[in-house]
Structures are given as structure tokens and as C-alpha cells.
């Protein structure tokens, strides 16, 4: 898959940001960093056509295509492994929704970020 949308990291040349997989494969970033992805602990995820966002313990991790600033990381770089979005300050994110070229975030205080 291109643009790192699977979250497995780079393999081979720069053109291949994710290995092609034919069956479910663990995105081991969360296990390696001892982060629990579970709905009862602020866990939520969403996938757009070319990017993914996951809420873990009130923090958002994104990866995939960065065009149009859709990842919320302050640039348009493609990211091939889950990367923390640091823009929320002390706000705790409870939900995320990925669109075609955008991402929306809802906090526990019911603030909407885009």
C-alpha cells in the first residue's frame, strides 16, 4: 500500500512505505509502546481512503497520506507508522473521523477540531 496507510513502516525503497499484506497483520507500534487500543479506555479508530487515525488513552495517533494536511501534524509528509498529534494541548480526544482529505476530532469537552 502506498503512503504508509497500513502503519507497518517503510520497507525497501522510499516508494514502498508499507509492505503489501494479504491478511490482517498486527500494527505493532501500540504493543511496542505499551499503549492499549480499547473502546473502554478512550479507544476509537477511523480510516479514510489513504490515512488512519486511532485514539488511545485520549491521545490521537495518525499515519498515511499527509497531503492537504489531513494528518494534523503541521505538514504534508506521508507517515508510515503511527505518529502522535500534539496539537490538542490538555484536551482529551474521545472520537475521530477520517474523510477523504480531512480528519475531525471530538474532545471530552465536546469541542470539535478539524
N, C-alpha and C. Protein backbone atom coordinates (compact mmCIF):
# COMPACT_ATOMS: atom_id res chain seq x y z
N UNK A 1 0.85 -1.18 0.00
CA UNK A 1 0.00 0.00 0.00
C UNK A 1 0.89 1.24 0.00
N UNK A 2 0.44 2.25 -0.68
CA UNK A 2 1.25 3.46 -0.76
C UNK A 2 0.91 4.42 0.38
N UNK A 3 1.74 5.42 0.56
CA UNK A 3 1.53 6.50 1.54
C UNK A 3 1.59 6.05 2.99
N UNK A 4 1.97 4.82 3.27
CA UNK A 4 2.08 4.37 4.64
C UNK A 4 0.75 4.12 5.32
N UNK A 5 -0.33 3.99 4.57
CA UNK A 5 -1.66 3.91 5.17
C UNK A 5 -1.90 2.70 6.06
N UNK A 6 -1.08 1.64 5.94
CA UNK A 6 -1.27 0.46 6.79
C UNK A 6 -0.59 0.58 8.14
N UNK A 7 0.38 1.48 8.28
CA UNK A 7 1.01 1.70 9.57
C UNK A 7 2.10 0.72 9.94
N UNK A 8 2.60 -0.06 8.98
CA UNK A 8 3.63 -1.05 9.27
C UNK A 8 5.05 -0.52 9.11
N UNK A 9 5.20 0.71 8.66
CA UNK A 9 6.53 1.29 8.49
C UNK A 9 7.09 1.04 7.11
N UNK A 10 8.22 1.69 6.80
CA UNK A 10 8.81 1.57 5.46
C UNK A 10 9.51 0.23 5.26
N UNK A 11 9.46 -0.23 4.01
CA UNK A 11 10.22 -1.41 3.59
C UNK A 11 10.79 -1.13 2.22
N UNK A 12 11.96 -1.61 1.95
CA UNK A 12 12.55 -1.44 0.63
C UNK A 12 12.82 0.01 0.30
N UNK A 13 12.44 0.42 -0.90
CA UNK A 13 12.71 1.78 -1.37
C UNK A 13 11.74 2.77 -0.76
N UNK A 14 12.01 4.07 -0.94
CA UNK A 14 11.13 5.11 -0.42
C UNK A 14 9.74 5.05 -1.05
N UNK A 15 9.64 4.48 -2.26
CA UNK A 15 8.34 4.40 -2.93
C UNK A 15 7.42 3.39 -2.26
N UNK A 16 7.97 2.48 -1.47
CA UNK A 16 7.17 1.45 -0.83
C UNK A 16 7.14 1.69 0.67
N UNK A 17 6.18 2.51 1.13
CA UNK A 17 6.11 2.86 2.53
C UNK A 17 5.47 1.78 3.38
N UNK A 18 4.76 0.86 2.80
CA UNK A 18 4.14 -0.24 3.53
C UNK A 18 4.32 -1.52 2.72
N UNK A 19 4.55 -2.63 3.41
CA UNK A 19 4.55 -3.88 2.68
C UNK A 19 3.12 -4.22 2.25
N UNK A 20 2.96 -4.93 1.17
CA UNK A 20 1.63 -5.40 0.79
C UNK A 20 1.31 -6.60 1.67
N UNK A 21 0.12 -6.62 2.23
CA UNK A 21 -0.29 -7.73 3.08
C UNK A 21 -1.59 -8.29 2.56
N UNK A 22 -1.75 -9.60 2.66
CA UNK A 22 -2.96 -10.25 2.15
C UNK A 22 -3.86 -10.76 3.27
N UNK A 23 -3.44 -10.56 4.52
CA UNK A 23 -4.25 -10.96 5.66
C UNK A 23 -4.00 -9.99 6.80
N UNK A 24 -4.88 -9.93 7.80
CA UNK A 24 -4.67 -8.99 8.90
C UNK A 24 -3.29 -9.16 9.54
N UNK A 25 -2.60 -8.04 9.72
CA UNK A 25 -1.25 -8.04 10.27
C UNK A 25 -1.19 -7.02 11.40
N UNK A 26 -0.62 -7.41 12.53
CA UNK A 26 -0.54 -6.55 13.70
C UNK A 26 0.22 -5.26 13.40
N UNK A 27 -0.37 -4.12 13.74
CA UNK A 27 0.34 -2.84 13.73
C UNK A 27 1.02 -2.79 15.10
N UNK A 28 2.27 -3.21 15.15
CA UNK A 28 2.93 -3.45 16.43
C UNK A 28 3.39 -2.21 17.17
N UNK A 29 3.24 -1.02 16.60
CA UNK A 29 3.62 0.22 17.26
C UNK A 29 2.99 0.32 18.65
N UNK A 30 1.70 0.01 18.75
CA UNK A 30 0.99 0.18 20.01
C UNK A 30 1.46 -0.82 21.06
N UNK A 31 1.70 -2.05 20.66
CA UNK A 31 2.22 -3.06 21.59
C UNK A 31 3.64 -2.69 22.05
N UNK A 32 4.49 -2.29 21.11
CA UNK A 32 5.87 -1.91 21.46
C UNK A 32 5.90 -0.74 22.44
N UNK A 33 4.94 0.16 22.33
CA UNK A 33 4.89 1.34 23.19
C UNK A 33 3.93 1.19 24.37
N UNK A 34 3.46 -0.03 24.57
CA UNK A 34 2.58 -0.36 25.71
C UNK A 34 1.34 0.54 25.77
N UNK A 35 0.72 0.74 24.61
CA UNK A 35 -0.49 1.54 24.51
C UNK A 35 -1.67 0.61 24.24
N UNK A 36 -2.71 0.74 25.02
CA UNK A 36 -3.88 -0.12 24.91
C UNK A 36 -4.91 0.51 23.98
N UNK A 37 -5.25 -0.20 22.91
CA UNK A 37 -6.29 0.27 22.00
C UNK A 37 -7.56 -0.48 22.38
N UNK A 38 -8.42 0.20 23.15
CA UNK A 38 -9.65 -0.44 23.62
C UNK A 38 -10.72 0.62 23.81
N UNK A 39 -11.97 0.37 23.38
CA UNK A 39 -13.03 1.37 23.47
C UNK A 39 -13.28 1.86 24.89
N UNK A 40 -13.13 1.00 25.88
CA UNK A 40 -13.43 1.43 27.25
C UNK A 40 -12.36 2.34 27.83
N UNK A 41 -11.25 2.54 27.13
CA UNK A 41 -10.18 3.43 27.62
C UNK A 41 -9.89 4.46 26.54
N UNK A 42 -10.91 5.20 26.12
CA UNK A 42 -10.76 6.22 25.07
C UNK A 42 -10.14 5.63 23.81
N UNK A 43 -10.55 4.46 23.41
CA UNK A 43 -10.05 3.88 22.17
C UNK A 43 -11.07 4.04 21.06
N UNK A 44 -10.64 4.55 19.94
CA UNK A 44 -11.53 4.75 18.81
C UNK A 44 -10.66 4.85 17.57
N UNK A 45 -11.13 4.37 16.43
CA UNK A 45 -10.34 4.48 15.22
C UNK A 45 -11.21 4.80 14.01
N UNK A 46 -10.55 5.37 12.99
CA UNK A 46 -11.24 5.70 11.76
C UNK A 46 -10.25 5.61 10.60
N UNK A 47 -10.77 5.20 9.45
CA UNK A 47 -9.93 5.08 8.25
C UNK A 47 -10.51 5.90 7.12
N UNK A 48 -9.65 6.69 6.49
CA UNK A 48 -10.02 7.38 5.25
C UNK A 48 -9.46 6.56 4.10
N UNK A 49 -9.62 7.01 2.87
CA UNK A 49 -9.09 6.27 1.73
C UNK A 49 -7.57 6.09 1.77
N UNK A 50 -6.86 7.05 2.41
CA UNK A 50 -5.40 6.96 2.39
C UNK A 50 -4.75 7.35 3.71
N UNK A 51 -5.53 7.41 4.79
CA UNK A 51 -4.94 7.67 6.11
C UNK A 51 -5.81 7.05 7.20
N UNK A 52 -5.19 6.89 8.38
CA UNK A 52 -5.85 6.26 9.51
C UNK A 52 -5.58 7.07 10.76
N UNK A 53 -6.54 7.10 11.68
CA UNK A 53 -6.37 7.77 12.97
C UNK A 53 -6.91 6.85 14.06
N UNK A 54 -6.19 6.79 15.17
CA UNK A 54 -6.59 5.97 16.31
C UNK A 54 -6.49 6.81 17.58
N UNK A 55 -7.51 6.75 18.42
CA UNK A 55 -7.48 7.41 19.72
C UNK A 55 -7.09 6.35 20.74
N UNK A 56 -6.02 6.63 21.48
CA UNK A 56 -5.55 5.73 22.52
C UNK A 56 -5.34 6.55 23.79
N UNK A 57 -6.10 6.20 24.82
CA UNK A 57 -5.97 6.88 26.10
C UNK A 57 -6.08 8.40 25.97
N UNK A 58 -7.00 8.85 25.10
CA UNK A 58 -7.25 10.27 24.92
C UNK A 58 -6.30 11.00 24.01
N UNK A 59 -5.33 10.29 23.44
CA UNK A 59 -4.37 10.89 22.51
C UNK A 59 -4.60 10.30 21.12
N UNK A 60 -4.28 11.09 20.09
CA UNK A 60 -4.53 10.65 18.71
C UNK A 60 -3.22 10.32 18.02
N UNK A 61 -3.20 9.16 17.35
CA UNK A 61 -2.09 8.73 16.52
C UNK A 61 -2.60 8.62 15.10
N UNK A 62 -1.84 9.14 14.14
CA UNK A 62 -2.24 9.13 12.73
C UNK A 62 -1.12 8.57 11.88
N UNK A 63 -1.49 8.06 10.69
CA UNK A 63 -0.49 7.65 9.70
C UNK A 63 -1.15 7.57 8.34
N UNK A 64 -0.32 7.57 7.31
CA UNK A 64 -0.80 7.50 5.93
C UNK A 64 -0.42 8.74 5.14
N UNK A 65 -1.26 9.09 4.18
CA UNK A 65 -1.02 10.22 3.29
C UNK A 65 -1.22 11.53 4.03
N UNK A 66 -0.24 12.42 3.94
CA UNK A 66 -0.32 13.71 4.62
C UNK A 66 -0.77 14.87 3.75
N UNK A 67 -1.07 14.60 2.48
CA UNK A 67 -1.49 15.68 1.58
C UNK A 67 -2.68 16.44 2.17
N UNK A 68 -2.76 17.72 1.87
CA UNK A 68 -3.83 18.60 2.36
C UNK A 68 -3.84 18.71 3.88
N UNK A 69 -2.72 18.38 4.51
CA UNK A 69 -2.58 18.46 5.97
C UNK A 69 -3.58 17.59 6.71
N UNK A 70 -4.07 16.52 6.07
CA UNK A 70 -5.13 15.70 6.66
C UNK A 70 -4.73 14.99 7.94
N UNK A 71 -3.42 14.81 8.18
CA UNK A 71 -2.99 14.10 9.39
C UNK A 71 -2.96 15.00 10.62
N UNK A 72 -2.93 16.31 10.42
CA UNK A 72 -2.89 17.23 11.55
C UNK A 72 -1.53 17.35 12.20
N UNK A 73 -0.48 17.03 11.46
CA UNK A 73 0.88 17.07 12.00
C UNK A 73 1.62 18.35 11.63
N UNK A 74 0.97 19.27 10.92
CA UNK A 74 1.60 20.54 10.58
C UNK A 74 2.34 20.55 9.27
N UNK A 75 2.33 19.44 8.55
CA UNK A 75 2.96 19.40 7.24
C UNK A 75 2.19 18.44 6.34
N UNK A 76 2.69 18.21 5.14
CA UNK A 76 2.01 17.31 4.20
C UNK A 76 2.79 16.03 3.96
N UNK A 77 3.69 15.69 4.87
CA UNK A 77 4.51 14.49 4.70
C UNK A 77 3.66 13.23 4.90
N UNK A 78 4.02 12.18 4.15
CA UNK A 78 3.41 10.87 4.36
C UNK A 78 4.10 10.24 5.56
N UNK A 79 3.33 9.56 6.40
CA UNK A 79 3.84 8.94 7.61
C UNK A 79 3.49 7.46 7.58
N UNK A 80 4.49 6.60 7.74
CA UNK A 80 4.25 5.16 7.59
C UNK A 80 4.09 4.41 8.91
N UNK A 81 4.23 5.09 10.04
CA UNK A 81 3.98 4.47 11.33
C UNK A 81 3.15 5.42 12.18
N UNK A 82 2.38 4.92 13.13
CA UNK A 82 1.56 5.79 13.96
C UNK A 82 2.38 6.91 14.60
N UNK A 83 1.87 8.14 14.48
CA UNK A 83 2.56 9.33 14.98
C UNK A 83 1.58 10.15 15.81
N UNK A 84 2.02 10.57 17.00
CA UNK A 84 1.18 11.33 17.91
C UNK A 84 0.89 12.73 17.37
N UNK A 85 -0.38 13.14 17.41
CA UNK A 85 -0.78 14.51 17.08
C UNK A 85 -0.69 15.30 18.38
N UNK A 86 0.18 16.29 18.41
CA UNK A 86 0.44 17.02 19.66
C UNK A 86 -0.33 18.34 19.77
N UNK A 87 -1.19 18.65 18.82
CA UNK A 87 -1.86 19.95 18.74
C UNK A 87 -2.97 20.18 19.76
N UNK A 88 -3.35 19.18 20.52
CA UNK A 88 -4.54 19.30 21.36
C UNK A 88 -4.27 19.84 22.77
N UNK A 89 -3.03 20.05 23.13
CA UNK A 89 -2.72 20.55 24.46
C UNK A 89 -3.23 19.61 25.52
N UNK A 90 -4.06 20.13 26.44
CA UNK A 90 -4.58 19.30 27.53
C UNK A 90 -5.92 18.65 27.19
N UNK A 91 -6.46 18.93 26.00
CA UNK A 91 -7.74 18.33 25.61
C UNK A 91 -7.59 16.82 25.45
N UNK A 92 -8.58 16.09 25.92
CA UNK A 92 -8.62 14.63 25.78
C UNK A 92 -9.54 14.31 24.61
N UNK A 93 -9.00 13.67 23.60
CA UNK A 93 -9.78 13.33 22.40
C UNK A 93 -10.54 12.04 22.66
N UNK A 94 -11.84 12.04 22.32
CA UNK A 94 -12.66 10.84 22.54
C UNK A 94 -13.10 10.18 21.23
N UNK A 95 -13.16 10.95 20.15
CA UNK A 95 -13.58 10.38 18.86
C UNK A 95 -12.80 11.02 17.73
N UNK A 96 -12.70 10.27 16.63
CA UNK A 96 -12.01 10.76 15.44
C UNK A 96 -12.76 10.23 14.22
N UNK A 97 -12.78 11.02 13.15
CA UNK A 97 -13.40 10.59 11.90
C UNK A 97 -12.52 11.04 10.73
N UNK A 98 -12.13 10.10 9.89
CA UNK A 98 -11.30 10.39 8.72
C UNK A 98 -12.19 10.51 7.49
N UNK A 99 -12.04 11.60 6.76
CA UNK A 99 -12.73 11.78 5.50
C UNK A 99 -11.76 11.56 4.35
N UNK A 100 -12.15 12.00 3.18
CA UNK A 100 -11.30 11.80 2.00
C UNK A 100 -10.01 12.59 2.10
N UNK A 101 -10.10 13.88 2.47
CA UNK A 101 -8.89 14.71 2.59
C UNK A 101 -8.87 15.47 3.90
N UNK A 102 -9.54 14.98 4.93
CA UNK A 102 -9.58 15.69 6.20
C UNK A 102 -9.77 14.71 7.35
N UNK A 103 -9.60 15.21 8.57
CA UNK A 103 -9.84 14.43 9.77
C UNK A 103 -10.52 15.35 10.80
N UNK A 104 -11.52 14.83 11.47
CA UNK A 104 -12.23 15.56 12.53
C UNK A 104 -11.99 14.88 13.86
N UNK A 105 -11.89 15.69 14.92
CA UNK A 105 -11.61 15.18 16.26
C UNK A 105 -12.61 15.78 17.23
N UNK A 106 -13.15 14.98 18.14
CA UNK A 106 -14.06 15.45 19.17
C UNK A 106 -13.40 15.17 20.52
N UNK A 107 -13.42 16.18 21.40
CA UNK A 107 -12.81 16.01 22.73
C UNK A 107 -13.88 15.68 23.77
N UNK A 108 -13.41 15.30 24.95
CA UNK A 108 -14.33 15.02 26.05
C UNK A 108 -15.17 16.24 26.43
N UNK A 109 -14.65 17.44 26.15
CA UNK A 109 -15.41 18.65 26.42
C UNK A 109 -16.36 19.00 25.27
N UNK A 110 -16.47 18.08 24.30
CA UNK A 110 -17.34 18.23 23.13
C UNK A 110 -16.90 19.34 22.19
N UNK A 111 -15.62 19.65 22.19
CA UNK A 111 -15.05 20.59 21.22
C UNK A 111 -14.76 19.81 19.95
N UNK A 112 -15.02 20.42 18.81
CA UNK A 112 -14.73 19.79 17.52
C UNK A 112 -13.51 20.47 16.90
N UNK A 113 -12.52 19.66 16.54
CA UNK A 113 -11.32 20.14 15.85
C UNK A 113 -11.29 19.56 14.45
N UNK A 114 -10.76 20.33 13.49
CA UNK A 114 -10.61 19.82 12.12
C UNK A 114 -9.26 20.24 11.57
